[in-house]
Amino acid sequence: MSELNAEDAKIITLARSSRARAGAAEGAAVRDETGRTYTATSVDLPSLKLSALKVAVAMAVSSGAEDLEAAAVVTPAETPDPSDITAVRDLGPKAQILVAAPDGTLRTTLTD
C-alpha cells in the first residue's frame, strides 16, 4: 500500500481489521467530508443480507454525514457489486473506492 496516502491506507486497514474481528466475508470503511470514519462488515443473517459497503454508507448517513471522500472494501471478490458502488456514489459522487484483497493489497481504485 505504499502508493496510497496515509488516510487511504488507514481506511483499508480499518476495513481489514473489521473483517478479521468479525470473521466476515467483507470489511469496509468510509471517510466522510469531515474526516470521520465508519467501519462495517457484511451482514449475513437468514432474514438480512447486506454488503459491508452498504452498511458503512448507512452508518455514515445515520451519523449525519453529508458527503464521502473515500471508501474502502476488503473482499475476496475482484470488484464490488454494482449496487455497492451506487450506494457509495449516492452519498459521495466523487468518492474514490479502494478495493483491496483480504491481505490488504490494493487491487484497484474506482473513481467517478
N, C-alpha and C. Protein backbone atom coordinates (compact mmCIF):
# COMPACT_ATOMS: atom_id res chain seq x y z
N MET A 1 0.81 -1.19 0.00
CA MET A 1 0.00 0.00 0.00
C MET A 1 0.86 1.26 0.00
N SER A 2 2.11 1.19 -0.41
CA SER A 2 3.00 2.33 -0.33
C SER A 2 2.56 3.48 -1.24
N GLU A 3 1.85 3.22 -2.33
CA GLU A 3 1.41 4.28 -3.23
C GLU A 3 0.20 5.06 -2.69
N LEU A 4 -0.37 4.60 -1.61
CA LEU A 4 -1.53 5.26 -1.01
C LEU A 4 -1.10 6.34 -0.04
N ASN A 5 -1.94 7.38 0.07
CA ASN A 5 -1.67 8.35 1.12
C ASN A 5 -2.06 7.72 2.45
N ALA A 6 -1.65 8.34 3.54
CA ALA A 6 -1.87 7.76 4.87
C ALA A 6 -3.35 7.58 5.20
N GLU A 7 -4.18 8.52 4.80
CA GLU A 7 -5.61 8.42 5.11
C GLU A 7 -6.28 7.28 4.36
N ASP A 8 -5.88 7.04 3.11
CA ASP A 8 -6.44 5.93 2.35
C ASP A 8 -5.93 4.59 2.89
N ALA A 9 -4.66 4.54 3.25
CA ALA A 9 -4.13 3.32 3.85
C ALA A 9 -4.86 3.01 5.15
N LYS A 10 -5.20 4.07 5.90
CA LYS A 10 -5.90 3.89 7.17
C LYS A 10 -7.26 3.23 6.97
N ILE A 11 -8.04 3.67 5.96
CA ILE A 11 -9.37 3.07 5.82
C ILE A 11 -9.29 1.63 5.32
N ILE A 12 -8.25 1.30 4.56
CA ILE A 12 -8.07 -0.10 4.17
C ILE A 12 -7.74 -0.92 5.41
N THR A 13 -6.87 -0.41 6.26
CA THR A 13 -6.52 -1.12 7.49
C THR A 13 -7.73 -1.29 8.39
N LEU A 14 -8.55 -0.25 8.53
CA LEU A 14 -9.77 -0.34 9.34
C LEU A 14 -10.74 -1.38 8.77
N ALA A 15 -10.91 -1.39 7.46
CA ALA A 15 -11.80 -2.36 6.81
C ALA A 15 -11.29 -3.78 7.01
N ARG A 16 -10.01 -3.94 6.87
CA ARG A 16 -9.41 -5.27 7.05
C ARG A 16 -9.55 -5.75 8.49
N SER A 17 -9.33 -4.85 9.44
CA SER A 17 -9.45 -5.20 10.86
C SER A 17 -10.88 -5.58 11.22
N SER A 18 -11.84 -4.82 10.71
CA SER A 18 -13.25 -5.13 10.98
C SER A 18 -13.61 -6.51 10.46
N ARG A 19 -13.17 -6.79 9.25
CA ARG A 19 -13.45 -8.09 8.63
C ARG A 19 -12.86 -9.22 9.47
N ALA A 20 -11.61 -9.07 9.88
CA ALA A 20 -10.95 -10.11 10.66
C ALA A 20 -11.60 -10.29 12.03
N ARG A 21 -11.92 -9.18 12.69
CA ARG A 21 -12.51 -9.24 14.04
C ARG A 21 -13.85 -9.98 14.02
N ALA A 22 -14.65 -9.73 13.00
CA ALA A 22 -15.99 -10.34 12.93
C ALA A 22 -15.99 -11.68 12.19
N GLY A 23 -14.89 -12.01 11.53
CA GLY A 23 -14.86 -13.23 10.73
C GLY A 23 -15.82 -13.16 9.56
N ALA A 24 -16.01 -11.94 9.03
CA ALA A 24 -16.98 -11.71 7.96
C ALA A 24 -16.35 -11.87 6.58
N ALA A 25 -17.20 -12.03 5.59
CA ALA A 25 -16.73 -12.17 4.21
C ALA A 25 -16.08 -10.89 3.71
N GLU A 26 -16.61 -9.74 4.13
CA GLU A 26 -16.10 -8.44 3.68
C GLU A 26 -15.99 -7.48 4.85
N GLY A 27 -15.07 -6.54 4.71
CA GLY A 27 -14.97 -5.42 5.63
C GLY A 27 -14.93 -4.15 4.81
N ALA A 28 -15.46 -3.07 5.35
CA ALA A 28 -15.44 -1.79 4.63
C ALA A 28 -15.24 -0.65 5.61
N ALA A 29 -14.77 0.45 5.08
CA ALA A 29 -14.66 1.69 5.84
C ALA A 29 -14.89 2.84 4.88
N VAL A 30 -15.55 3.86 5.36
CA VAL A 30 -15.75 5.08 4.56
C VAL A 30 -15.26 6.26 5.39
N ARG A 31 -14.82 7.31 4.67
CA ARG A 31 -14.38 8.55 5.30
C ARG A 31 -15.28 9.67 4.79
N ASP A 32 -15.88 10.42 5.73
CA ASP A 32 -16.80 11.48 5.31
C ASP A 32 -16.06 12.79 5.08
N GLU A 33 -16.83 13.82 4.76
CA GLU A 33 -16.27 15.12 4.40
C GLU A 33 -15.54 15.81 5.56
N THR A 34 -15.76 15.37 6.78
CA THR A 34 -15.08 15.96 7.94
C THR A 34 -13.90 15.11 8.39
N GLY A 35 -13.67 13.97 7.74
CA GLY A 35 -12.58 13.08 8.10
C GLY A 35 -12.96 11.97 9.05
N ARG A 36 -14.23 11.94 9.48
CA ARG A 36 -14.69 10.84 10.35
C ARG A 36 -14.74 9.55 9.53
N THR A 37 -14.46 8.45 10.21
CA THR A 37 -14.51 7.15 9.53
C THR A 37 -15.57 6.27 10.16
N TYR A 38 -16.13 5.42 9.34
CA TYR A 38 -17.15 4.47 9.75
C TYR A 38 -16.74 3.12 9.19
N THR A 39 -16.71 2.10 10.05
CA THR A 39 -16.33 0.77 9.60
C THR A 39 -17.51 -0.18 9.72
N ALA A 40 -17.47 -1.22 8.91
CA ALA A 40 -18.56 -2.19 8.92
C ALA A 40 -18.09 -3.50 8.31
N THR A 41 -18.89 -4.51 8.53
CA THR A 41 -18.67 -5.81 7.87
C THR A 41 -19.96 -6.20 7.17
N SER A 42 -19.83 -7.20 6.33
CA SER A 42 -21.03 -7.72 5.69
C SER A 42 -21.92 -8.38 6.75
N VAL A 43 -23.21 -8.37 6.49
CA VAL A 43 -24.19 -8.98 7.38
C VAL A 43 -24.83 -10.13 6.62
N ASP A 44 -24.80 -11.30 7.22
CA ASP A 44 -25.36 -12.48 6.55
C ASP A 44 -26.23 -13.25 7.54
N LEU A 45 -27.45 -12.75 7.72
CA LEU A 45 -28.43 -13.39 8.58
C LEU A 45 -29.50 -14.03 7.70
N PRO A 46 -30.25 -14.98 8.23
CA PRO A 46 -31.30 -15.58 7.40
C PRO A 46 -32.28 -14.55 6.80
N SER A 47 -32.59 -13.51 7.56
CA SER A 47 -33.57 -12.54 7.08
C SER A 47 -32.96 -11.22 6.62
N LEU A 48 -31.63 -11.08 6.69
CA LEU A 48 -30.99 -9.82 6.32
C LEU A 48 -29.61 -10.06 5.77
N LYS A 49 -29.39 -9.64 4.54
CA LYS A 49 -28.08 -9.77 3.90
C LYS A 49 -27.69 -8.41 3.35
N LEU A 50 -26.57 -7.88 3.85
CA LEU A 50 -26.07 -6.58 3.42
C LEU A 50 -24.57 -6.66 3.18
N SER A 51 -24.12 -5.95 2.19
CA SER A 51 -22.68 -5.88 1.96
C SER A 51 -22.04 -4.94 2.97
N ALA A 52 -20.75 -5.08 3.15
CA ALA A 52 -20.02 -4.22 4.08
C ALA A 52 -20.08 -2.76 3.64
N LEU A 53 -19.96 -2.50 2.34
CA LEU A 53 -20.01 -1.11 1.86
C LEU A 53 -21.37 -0.47 2.15
N LYS A 54 -22.43 -1.21 1.92
CA LYS A 54 -23.76 -0.66 2.19
C LYS A 54 -23.95 -0.35 3.67
N VAL A 55 -23.45 -1.23 4.53
CA VAL A 55 -23.57 -0.98 5.97
C VAL A 55 -22.75 0.24 6.36
N ALA A 56 -21.54 0.37 5.84
CA ALA A 56 -20.70 1.53 6.16
C ALA A 56 -21.33 2.83 5.69
N VAL A 57 -21.90 2.83 4.49
CA VAL A 57 -22.59 4.03 3.98
C VAL A 57 -23.79 4.34 4.87
N ALA A 58 -24.55 3.34 5.24
CA ALA A 58 -25.72 3.56 6.11
C ALA A 58 -25.29 4.13 7.46
N MET A 59 -24.19 3.66 8.00
CA MET A 59 -23.70 4.18 9.27
C MET A 59 -23.31 5.64 9.14
N ALA A 60 -22.67 6.00 8.04
CA ALA A 60 -22.28 7.39 7.82
C ALA A 60 -23.51 8.28 7.70
N VAL A 61 -24.50 7.85 6.91
CA VAL A 61 -25.73 8.61 6.75
C VAL A 61 -26.44 8.78 8.09
N SER A 62 -26.54 7.71 8.84
CA SER A 62 -27.27 7.78 10.12
C SER A 62 -26.53 8.61 11.16
N SER A 63 -25.25 8.89 10.90
CA SER A 63 -24.47 9.74 11.81
C SER A 63 -24.42 11.19 11.33
N GLY A 64 -25.10 11.48 10.23
CA GLY A 64 -25.18 12.86 9.75
C GLY A 64 -24.20 13.24 8.67
N ALA A 65 -23.46 12.31 8.13
CA ALA A 65 -22.52 12.63 7.05
C ALA A 65 -23.30 13.15 5.85
N GLU A 66 -22.72 14.15 5.19
CA GLU A 66 -23.36 14.73 4.01
C GLU A 66 -22.62 14.40 2.72
N ASP A 67 -21.40 13.89 2.84
CA ASP A 67 -20.60 13.56 1.66
C ASP A 67 -19.55 12.54 2.08
N LEU A 68 -19.05 11.79 1.12
CA LEU A 68 -17.95 10.87 1.37
C LEU A 68 -16.75 11.29 0.55
N GLU A 69 -15.57 11.22 1.16
CA GLU A 69 -14.33 11.47 0.45
C GLU A 69 -13.80 10.18 -0.18
N ALA A 70 -13.92 9.08 0.57
CA ALA A 70 -13.36 7.81 0.11
C ALA A 70 -14.06 6.65 0.79
N ALA A 71 -13.96 5.51 0.13
CA ALA A 71 -14.50 4.26 0.67
C ALA A 71 -13.48 3.16 0.37
N ALA A 72 -13.42 2.19 1.25
CA ALA A 72 -12.55 1.03 1.03
C ALA A 72 -13.33 -0.23 1.34
N VAL A 73 -13.09 -1.25 0.54
CA VAL A 73 -13.70 -2.55 0.81
C VAL A 73 -12.61 -3.61 0.70
N VAL A 74 -12.57 -4.48 1.68
CA VAL A 74 -11.65 -5.63 1.68
C VAL A 74 -12.52 -6.84 1.43
N THR A 75 -12.25 -7.51 0.31
CA THR A 75 -13.13 -8.58 -0.15
C THR A 75 -12.35 -9.60 -0.97
N PRO A 76 -12.80 -10.85 -0.95
CA PRO A 76 -12.19 -11.82 -1.85
C PRO A 76 -12.62 -11.61 -3.31
N ALA A 77 -13.69 -10.87 -3.54
CA ALA A 77 -14.16 -10.61 -4.90
C ALA A 77 -13.22 -9.63 -5.61
N GLU A 78 -13.18 -9.71 -6.91
CA GLU A 78 -12.32 -8.82 -7.68
C GLU A 78 -12.83 -7.37 -7.66
N THR A 79 -14.15 -7.21 -7.68
CA THR A 79 -14.75 -5.87 -7.66
C THR A 79 -16.01 -5.91 -6.81
N PRO A 80 -16.42 -4.76 -6.28
CA PRO A 80 -17.66 -4.73 -5.52
C PRO A 80 -18.86 -4.90 -6.45
N ASP A 81 -19.96 -5.31 -5.87
CA ASP A 81 -21.21 -5.40 -6.61
C ASP A 81 -21.58 -4.00 -7.10
N PRO A 82 -22.14 -3.89 -8.31
CA PRO A 82 -22.53 -2.57 -8.81
C PRO A 82 -23.46 -1.80 -7.87
N SER A 83 -24.32 -2.50 -7.13
CA SER A 83 -25.20 -1.79 -6.20
C SER A 83 -24.43 -1.20 -5.02
N ASP A 84 -23.29 -1.78 -4.67
CA ASP A 84 -22.44 -1.22 -3.62
C ASP A 84 -21.80 0.08 -4.10
N ILE A 85 -21.36 0.08 -5.34
CA ILE A 85 -20.77 1.29 -5.93
C ILE A 85 -21.82 2.39 -5.97
N THR A 86 -23.04 2.05 -6.35
CA THR A 86 -24.12 3.02 -6.39
C THR A 86 -24.40 3.60 -5.01
N ALA A 87 -24.37 2.78 -3.98
CA ALA A 87 -24.62 3.26 -2.61
C ALA A 87 -23.56 4.29 -2.21
N VAL A 88 -22.30 4.02 -2.53
CA VAL A 88 -21.23 4.99 -2.22
C VAL A 88 -21.46 6.27 -3.00
N ARG A 89 -21.77 6.16 -4.30
CA ARG A 89 -21.97 7.34 -5.16
C ARG A 89 -23.19 8.16 -4.74
N ASP A 90 -24.19 7.52 -4.16
CA ASP A 90 -25.37 8.27 -3.69
C ASP A 90 -24.98 9.31 -2.65
N LEU A 91 -24.03 8.98 -1.79
CA LEU A 91 -23.61 9.91 -0.74
C LEU A 91 -22.37 10.69 -1.14
N GLY A 92 -21.48 10.07 -1.88
CA GLY A 92 -20.24 10.73 -2.29
C GLY A 92 -19.97 10.55 -3.76
N PRO A 93 -20.59 11.39 -4.59
CA PRO A 93 -20.46 11.22 -6.05
C PRO A 93 -19.02 11.20 -6.56
N LYS A 94 -18.12 11.87 -5.86
CA LYS A 94 -16.72 11.93 -6.30
C LYS A 94 -15.79 11.07 -5.45
N ALA A 95 -16.35 10.32 -4.53
CA ALA A 95 -15.53 9.49 -3.64
C ALA A 95 -14.81 8.40 -4.41
N GLN A 96 -13.54 8.22 -4.12
CA GLN A 96 -12.84 7.09 -4.71
C GLN A 96 -13.18 5.85 -3.89
N ILE A 97 -13.21 4.71 -4.55
CA ILE A 97 -13.49 3.44 -3.89
C ILE A 97 -12.26 2.56 -4.05
N LEU A 98 -11.64 2.26 -2.92
CA LEU A 98 -10.45 1.42 -2.90
C LEU A 98 -10.89 -0.03 -2.70
N VAL A 99 -10.47 -0.90 -3.59
CA VAL A 99 -10.82 -2.31 -3.50
C VAL A 99 -9.55 -3.08 -3.17
N ALA A 100 -9.56 -3.76 -2.02
CA ALA A 100 -8.37 -4.48 -1.57
C ALA A 100 -8.67 -5.96 -1.35
N ALA A 101 -7.64 -6.75 -1.52
CA ALA A 101 -7.72 -8.18 -1.25
C ALA A 101 -7.73 -8.41 0.27
N PRO A 102 -8.09 -9.60 0.71
CA PRO A 102 -8.11 -9.88 2.15
C PRO A 102 -6.78 -9.59 2.87
N ASP A 103 -5.65 -9.66 2.16
CA ASP A 103 -4.36 -9.37 2.79
C ASP A 103 -4.05 -7.88 2.83
N GLY A 104 -4.98 -7.05 2.32
CA GLY A 104 -4.80 -5.60 2.33
C GLY A 104 -4.17 -5.04 1.07
N THR A 105 -3.79 -5.90 0.13
CA THR A 105 -3.20 -5.43 -1.11
C THR A 105 -4.25 -4.72 -1.96
N LEU A 106 -3.93 -3.50 -2.36
CA LEU A 106 -4.84 -2.73 -3.20
C LEU A 106 -4.96 -3.39 -4.57
N ARG A 107 -6.19 -3.71 -4.97
CA ARG A 107 -6.43 -4.30 -6.29
C ARG A 107 -6.70 -3.22 -7.32
N THR A 108 -7.59 -2.29 -6.96
CA THR A 108 -7.97 -1.24 -7.90
C THR A 108 -8.57 -0.07 -7.14
N THR A 109 -8.62 1.06 -7.79
CA THR A 109 -9.28 2.25 -7.27
C THR A 109 -10.31 2.68 -8.30
N LEU A 110 -11.57 2.74 -7.85
CA LEU A 110 -12.65 3.17 -8.73
C LEU A 110 -12.89 4.65 -8.49
N THR A 111 -12.93 5.42 -9.54
CA THR A 111 -13.21 6.84 -9.44
C THR A 111 -14.44 7.15 -10.25
N ASP A 112 -14.98 8.36 -10.05
CA ASP A 112 -16.21 8.74 -10.76
C ASP A 112 -16.06 8.75 -12.23
